[in-house]
Amino acid sequence: MAELIAYFSRPGENYVNGNIVNLEVGNTEIAAKMIQEITGADLYKIEPLLEYSRDYSECLEETKADQRRQARPALKHPLPDVKKYEVIYLGFPNYWGTMPMPVFTFLEGCRLEGKRIYPFCTHEGSGMGHSLEDIKRMCPDSEIKNGLALSGAGVHFAKEAITEWLKGE
C-alpha cells in the first residue's frame, strides 16, 4: 500500500510554551519525519512560492490576511501525482483554528477521491481547531480518519503518541 506524507511546516520564530523561539526545523516537519520513519511513506513538503516571514509577528499578520481572503497561495513545487497513493498523512500547524492556506491549495489541487486521509497537526493549545471539518468539506469523497493533535513544544517526544495513533487505525 503506497502512502504519502504531505505537510506544511514553517521554521523560524514560533510560539512555543509561551515564548517566541527560533526553530531551525518546524514542528510539523519533525512529526512528519517521525511518521516517515515509522511507515516508510513518501514525503511531500507543501511550500508556498512566496514563503511566510520567519518573523513570528509578521507571519501572524500574513497568515491572518491569507485566511481572511481565502487565499490559495501558489506552491513552490508541482503537486505530487497522488494516483498511486491509498493513504495520505496530512500535516500542518494550526493557524487561526484550521490549516494554513497553502494546505488548502494542496487539497484543492490533488484528486483525493477514495483516499484515506490521516490529518495531524502541531499546536500550542488549540488542538485540531476546525481543520477536520474543513478537510471533510473539501474532500467529501475521501475517508477522513481521526486526527492527531501534537503539542509543538513536545513534538520531539511524540514518537510514542504517533506510533499509537498509527496503530489505532
C-alpha atoms as a PDB file:
ATOM      1  CA  MET A   1       0.000   0.000   0.000  1.00  0.00           C
ATOM      2  CA  ALA A   2       1.549   3.294  -1.122  1.00  0.00           C
ATOM      3  CA  GLU A   3       1.464   6.152   1.378  1.00  0.00           C
ATOM      4  CA  LEU A   4       2.282   9.841   1.177  1.00  0.00           C
ATOM      5  CA  ILE A   5       3.012  12.332   3.923  1.00  0.00           C
ATOM      6  CA  ALA A   6       2.069  15.805   2.694  1.00  0.00           C
ATOM      7  CA  TYR A   7       2.866  18.501   5.217  1.00  0.00           C
ATOM      8  CA  PHE A   8       3.282  22.220   5.722  1.00  0.00           C
ATOM      9  CA  SER A   9       5.817  23.358   8.308  1.00  0.00           C
ATOM     10  CA  ARG A  10       7.494  26.673   8.968  1.00  0.00           C
ATOM     11  CA  PRO A  11      10.909  27.193  10.552  1.00  0.00           C
ATOM     12  CA  GLY A  12      11.862  30.498  12.096  1.00  0.00           C
ATOM     13  CA  GLU A  13      10.267  32.235  15.035  1.00  0.00           C
ATOM     14  CA  ASN A  14       7.467  30.179  16.541  1.00  0.00           C
ATOM     15  CA  TYR A  15       5.379  30.331  19.695  1.00  0.00           C
ATOM     16  CA  VAL A  16       6.491  27.502  21.996  1.00  0.00           C
ATOM     17  CA  ASN A  17       5.485  27.136  25.651  1.00  0.00           C
ATOM     18  CA  GLY A  18       4.553  30.804  25.933  1.00  0.00           C
ATOM     19  CA  ASN A  19       7.771  32.081  24.359  1.00  0.00           C
ATOM     20  CA  ILE A  20       8.907  33.055  20.891  1.00  0.00           C
ATOM     21  CA  VAL A  21      11.788  30.776  19.901  1.00  0.00           C
ATOM     22  CA  ASN A  22      13.700  30.309  16.663  1.00  0.00           C
ATOM     23  CA  LEU A  23      13.237  26.838  15.184  1.00  0.00           C
ATOM     24  CA  GLU A  24      15.674  25.555  12.575  1.00  0.00           C
ATOM     25  CA  VAL A  25      13.086  22.932  11.589  1.00  0.00           C
ATOM     26  CA  GLY A  26       9.359  23.475  12.016  1.00  0.00           C
ATOM     27  CA  ASN A  27       7.481  21.286  14.499  1.00  0.00           C
ATOM     28  CA  THR A  28       5.209  19.722  11.886  1.00  0.00           C
ATOM     29  CA  GLU A  29       8.215  18.673   9.813  1.00  0.00           C
ATOM     30  CA  ILE A  30       9.643  16.886  12.858  1.00  0.00           C
ATOM     31  CA  ALA A  31       6.353  14.984  13.257  1.00  0.00           C
ATOM     32  CA  ALA A  32       6.185  14.229   9.510  1.00  0.00           C
ATOM     33  CA  LYS A  33       9.666  12.728   9.567  1.00  0.00           C
ATOM     34  CA  MET A  34       8.735  10.590  12.575  1.00  0.00           C
ATOM     35  CA  ILE A  35       5.754   9.280  10.620  1.00  0.00           C
ATOM     36  CA  GLN A  36       8.041   8.583   7.673  1.00  0.00           C
ATOM     37  CA  GLU A  37      10.474   6.698   9.906  1.00  0.00           C
ATOM     38  CA  ILE A  38       7.623   4.520  11.200  1.00  0.00           C
ATOM     39  CA  THR A  39       5.712   3.982   7.933  1.00  0.00           C
ATOM     40  CA  GLY A  40       8.273   4.418   5.158  1.00  0.00           C
ATOM     41  CA  ALA A  41       5.817   6.738   3.379  1.00  0.00           C
ATOM     42  CA  ASP A  42       6.950   9.215   0.723  1.00  0.00           C
ATOM     43  CA  LEU A  43       7.303  12.874   1.746  1.00  0.00           C
ATOM     44  CA  TYR A  44       5.947  15.979   0.040  1.00  0.00           C
ATOM     45  CA  LYS A  45       6.554  19.335   1.702  1.00  0.00           C
ATOM     46  CA  ILE A  46       3.799  21.850   0.974  1.00  0.00           C
ATOM     47  CA  GLU A  47       5.679  25.128   0.499  1.00  0.00           C
ATOM     48  CA  PRO A  48       4.187  28.388  -0.727  1.00  0.00           C
ATOM     49  CA  LEU A  49       6.021  30.022  -3.612  1.00  0.00           C
ATOM     50  CA  LEU A  50       6.204  33.195  -1.522  1.00  0.00           C
ATOM     51  CA  GLU A  51       7.265  31.969   1.900  1.00  0.00           C
ATOM     52  CA  TYR A  52       5.785  33.383   5.069  1.00  0.00           C
ATOM     53  CA  SER A  53       8.081  35.577   7.120  1.00  0.00           C
ATOM     54  CA  ARG A  54      10.435  33.904   9.592  1.00  0.00           C
ATOM     55  CA  ASP A  55       9.460  36.712  11.996  1.00  0.00           C
ATOM     56  CA  TYR A  56       6.604  35.431  14.176  1.00  0.00           C
ATOM     57  CA  SER A  57       4.592  38.667  14.348  1.00  0.00           C
ATOM     58  CA  GLU A  58       4.858  39.265  10.605  1.00  0.00           C
ATOM     59  CA  CYS A  59       3.898  35.663   9.894  1.00  0.00           C
ATOM     60  CA  LEU A  60       0.795  36.053  12.073  1.00  0.00           C
ATOM     61  CA  GLU A  61      -0.331  39.029  10.017  1.00  0.00           C
ATOM     62  CA  GLU A  62       0.434  37.316   6.693  1.00  0.00           C
ATOM     63  CA  THR A  63      -1.432  34.131   7.594  1.00  0.00           C
ATOM     64  CA  LYS A  64      -4.379  36.033   9.035  1.00  0.00           C
ATOM     65  CA  ALA A  65      -4.642  38.093   5.833  1.00  0.00           C
ATOM     66  CA  ASP A  66      -4.447  34.913   3.715  1.00  0.00           C
ATOM     67  CA  GLN A  67      -7.228  33.316   5.716  1.00  0.00           C
ATOM     68  CA  ARG A  68      -9.436  36.418   5.603  1.00  0.00           C
ATOM     69  CA  ARG A  69      -9.327  36.483   1.815  1.00  0.00           C
ATOM     70  CA  GLN A  70      -9.461  32.668   1.480  1.00  0.00           C
ATOM     71  CA  ALA A  71      -6.179  32.800  -0.451  1.00  0.00           C
ATOM     72  CA  ARG A  72      -4.880  29.788  -2.309  1.00  0.00           C
ATOM     73  CA  PRO A  73      -1.150  30.581  -2.464  1.00  0.00           C
ATOM     74  CA  ALA A  74       0.829  29.179  -5.364  1.00  0.00           C
ATOM     75  CA  LEU A  75       3.109  26.345  -4.301  1.00  0.00           C
ATOM     76  CA  LYS A  76       6.862  26.148  -4.827  1.00  0.00           C
ATOM     77  CA  HIS A  77       6.813  22.539  -6.074  1.00  0.00           C
ATOM     78  CA  PRO A  78       4.452  20.802  -8.503  1.00  0.00           C
ATOM     79  CA  LEU A  79       1.725  18.807  -6.779  1.00  0.00           C
ATOM     80  CA  PRO A  80       2.540  15.125  -6.421  1.00  0.00           C
ATOM     81  CA  ASP A  81       0.775  12.566  -8.571  1.00  0.00           C
ATOM     82  CA  VAL A  82      -1.422  11.025  -5.888  1.00  0.00           C
ATOM     83  CA  LYS A  83      -2.934   8.279  -8.079  1.00  0.00           C
ATOM     84  CA  LYS A  84      -0.586   5.642  -6.663  1.00  0.00           C
ATOM     85  CA  TYR A  85      -1.272   6.520  -3.019  1.00  0.00           C
ATOM     86  CA  GLU A  86      -4.047   4.946  -0.982  1.00  0.00           C
ATOM     87  CA  VAL A  87      -3.177   6.809   2.216  1.00  0.00           C
ATOM     88  CA  ILE A  88      -2.331  10.482   2.695  1.00  0.00           C
ATOM     89  CA  TYR A  89      -0.970  11.691   6.036  1.00  0.00           C
ATOM     90  CA  LEU A  90      -1.739  15.411   6.027  1.00  0.00           C
ATOM     91  CA  GLY A  91       0.292  17.549   8.437  1.00  0.00           C
ATOM     92  CA  PHE A  92       0.100  21.203   9.348  1.00  0.00           C
ATOM     93  CA  PRO A  93       0.372  23.638  12.235  1.00  0.00           C
ATOM     94  CA  ASN A  94      -2.931  25.006  13.493  1.00  0.00           C
ATOM     95  CA  TYR A  95      -3.172  28.554  12.128  1.00  0.00           C
ATOM     96  CA  TRP A  96      -6.212  30.523  13.240  1.00  0.00           C
ATOM     97  CA  GLY A  97      -8.227  27.402  14.067  1.00  0.00           C
ATOM     98  CA  THR A  98      -7.507  25.481  10.871  1.00  0.00           C
ATOM     99  CA  MET A  99      -4.851  24.655   8.286  1.00  0.00           C
ATOM    100  CA  PRO A 100      -2.541  27.209   6.691  1.00  0.00           C
ATOM    101  CA  MET A 101      -3.894  28.306   3.328  1.00  0.00           C
ATOM    102  CA  PRO A 102      -1.149  26.509   1.292  1.00  0.00           C
ATOM    103  CA  VAL A 103      -2.656  23.251   2.630  1.00  0.00           C
ATOM    104  CA  PHE A 104      -5.998  24.313   1.139  1.00  0.00           C
ATOM    105  CA  THR A 105      -4.142  24.829  -2.177  1.00  0.00           C
ATOM    106  CA  PHE A 106      -2.813  21.265  -1.907  1.00  0.00           C
ATOM    107  CA  LEU A 107      -6.219  19.767  -1.088  1.00  0.00           C
ATOM    108  CA  GLU A 108      -7.953  21.578  -3.939  1.00  0.00           C
ATOM    109  CA  GLY A 109      -5.197  20.736  -6.418  1.00  0.00           C
ATOM    110  CA  CYS A 110      -4.975  16.992  -5.801  1.00  0.00           C
ATOM    111  CA  ARG A 111      -7.540  14.364  -6.753  1.00  0.00           C
ATOM    112  CA  LEU A 112      -8.111  12.749  -3.359  1.00  0.00           C
ATOM    113  CA  GLU A 113     -11.345  10.880  -4.068  1.00  0.00           C
ATOM    114  CA  GLY A 114     -11.239   7.432  -2.490  1.00  0.00           C
ATOM    115  CA  LYS A 115      -8.103   8.197  -0.463  1.00  0.00           C
ATOM    116  CA  ARG A 116      -7.790   7.685   3.283  1.00  0.00           C
ATOM    117  CA  ILE A 117      -6.586  10.933   4.848  1.00  0.00           C
ATOM    118  CA  TYR A 118      -4.971  10.935   8.280  1.00  0.00           C
ATOM    119  CA  PRO A 119      -4.685  14.551   9.484  1.00  0.00           C
ATOM    120  CA  PHE A 120      -2.109  15.559  12.078  1.00  0.00           C
ATOM    121  CA  CYS A 121      -1.305  18.974  13.421  1.00  0.00           C
ATOM    122  CA  THR A 122       1.012  20.745  15.784  1.00  0.00           C
ATOM    123  CA  HIS A 123      -0.320  23.436  18.068  1.00  0.00           C
ATOM    124  CA  GLU A 124       0.284  25.308  21.298  1.00  0.00           C
ATOM    125  CA  GLY A 125      -3.096  24.755  22.936  1.00  0.00           C
ATOM    126  CA  SER A 126      -5.689  24.940  20.173  1.00  0.00           C
ATOM    127  CA  GLY A 127      -5.726  21.279  19.110  1.00  0.00           C
ATOM    128  CA  MET A 128      -7.149  20.471  15.689  1.00  0.00           C
ATOM    129  CA  GLY A 129      -9.459  23.506  15.753  1.00  0.00           C
ATOM    130  CA  HIS A 130     -12.000  23.097  12.947  1.00  0.00           C
ATOM    131  CA  SER A 131      -9.492  21.649  10.483  1.00  0.00           C
ATOM    132  CA  LEU A 132     -11.156  18.202  10.411  1.00  0.00           C
ATOM    133  CA  GLU A 133     -14.459  19.778   9.371  1.00  0.00           C
ATOM    134  CA  ASP A 134     -12.636  21.802   6.711  1.00  0.00           C
ATOM    135  CA  ILE A 135     -10.927  18.684   5.329  1.00  0.00           C
ATOM    136  CA  LYS A 136     -14.234  16.787   5.269  1.00  0.00           C
ATOM    137  CA  ARG A 137     -15.876  19.677   3.432  1.00  0.00           C
ATOM    138  CA  MET A 138     -13.053  19.897   0.888  1.00  0.00           C
ATOM    139  CA  CYS A 139     -12.656  16.134   0.407  1.00  0.00           C
ATOM    140  CA  PRO A 140     -16.209  14.745   0.590  1.00  0.00           C
ATOM    141  CA  ASP A 141     -15.278  11.617  -1.364  1.00  0.00           C
ATOM    142  CA  SER A 142     -12.295  10.757   0.836  1.00  0.00           C
ATOM    143  CA  GLU A 143     -12.276   8.804   4.077  1.00  0.00           C
ATOM    144  CA  ILE A 144     -11.118  11.213   6.786  1.00  0.00           C
ATOM    145  CA  LYS A 145      -9.614   9.353   9.723  1.00  0.00           C
ATOM    146  CA  ASN A 146      -9.169  10.511  13.317  1.00  0.00           C
ATOM    147  CA  GLY A 147      -6.742  13.377  13.578  1.00  0.00           C
ATOM    148  CA  LEU A 148      -3.723  13.619  15.831  1.00  0.00           C
ATOM    149  CA  ALA A 149      -3.042  16.920  17.588  1.00  0.00           C
ATOM    150  CA  LEU A 150       0.504  17.238  18.923  1.00  0.00           C
ATOM    151  CA  SER A 151       1.868  19.944  21.163  1.00  0.00           C
ATOM    152  CA  GLY A 152       4.551  21.766  19.215  1.00  0.00           C
ATOM    153  CA  ALA A 153       6.569  22.156  22.393  1.00  0.00           C
ATOM    154  CA  GLY A 154       6.512  18.390  22.930  1.00  0.00           C
ATOM    155  CA  VAL A 155       6.899  17.193  19.337  1.00  0.00           C
ATOM    156  CA  HIS A 156      10.426  15.878  19.948  1.00  0.00           C
ATOM    157  CA  PHE A 157       8.905  13.417  22.411  1.00  0.00           C
ATOM    158  CA  ALA A 158       5.862  12.473  20.315  1.00  0.00           C
ATOM    159  CA  LYS A 159       7.075   9.272  18.650  1.00  0.00           C
ATOM    160  CA  GLU A 160       5.137   7.040  21.051  1.00  0.00           C
ATOM    161  CA  ALA A 161       1.927   9.048  20.561  1.00  0.00           C
ATOM    162  CA  ILE A 162       2.407   8.950  16.786  1.00  0.00           C
ATOM    163  CA  THR A 163       3.029   5.200  16.863  1.00  0.00           C
ATOM    164  CA  GLU A 164      -0.143   4.620  18.903  1.00  0.00           C
ATOM    165  CA  TRP A 165      -2.156   6.838  16.543  1.00  0.00           C
ATOM    166  CA  LEU A 166      -0.888   4.900  13.527  1.00  0.00           C
ATOM    167  CA  LYS A 167      -1.718   1.568  15.187  1.00  0.00           C
ATOM    168  CA  GLY A 168      -5.210   2.736  16.114  1.00  0.00           C
ATOM    169  CA  GLU A 169      -6.407   2.883  12.530  1.00  0.00           C
END
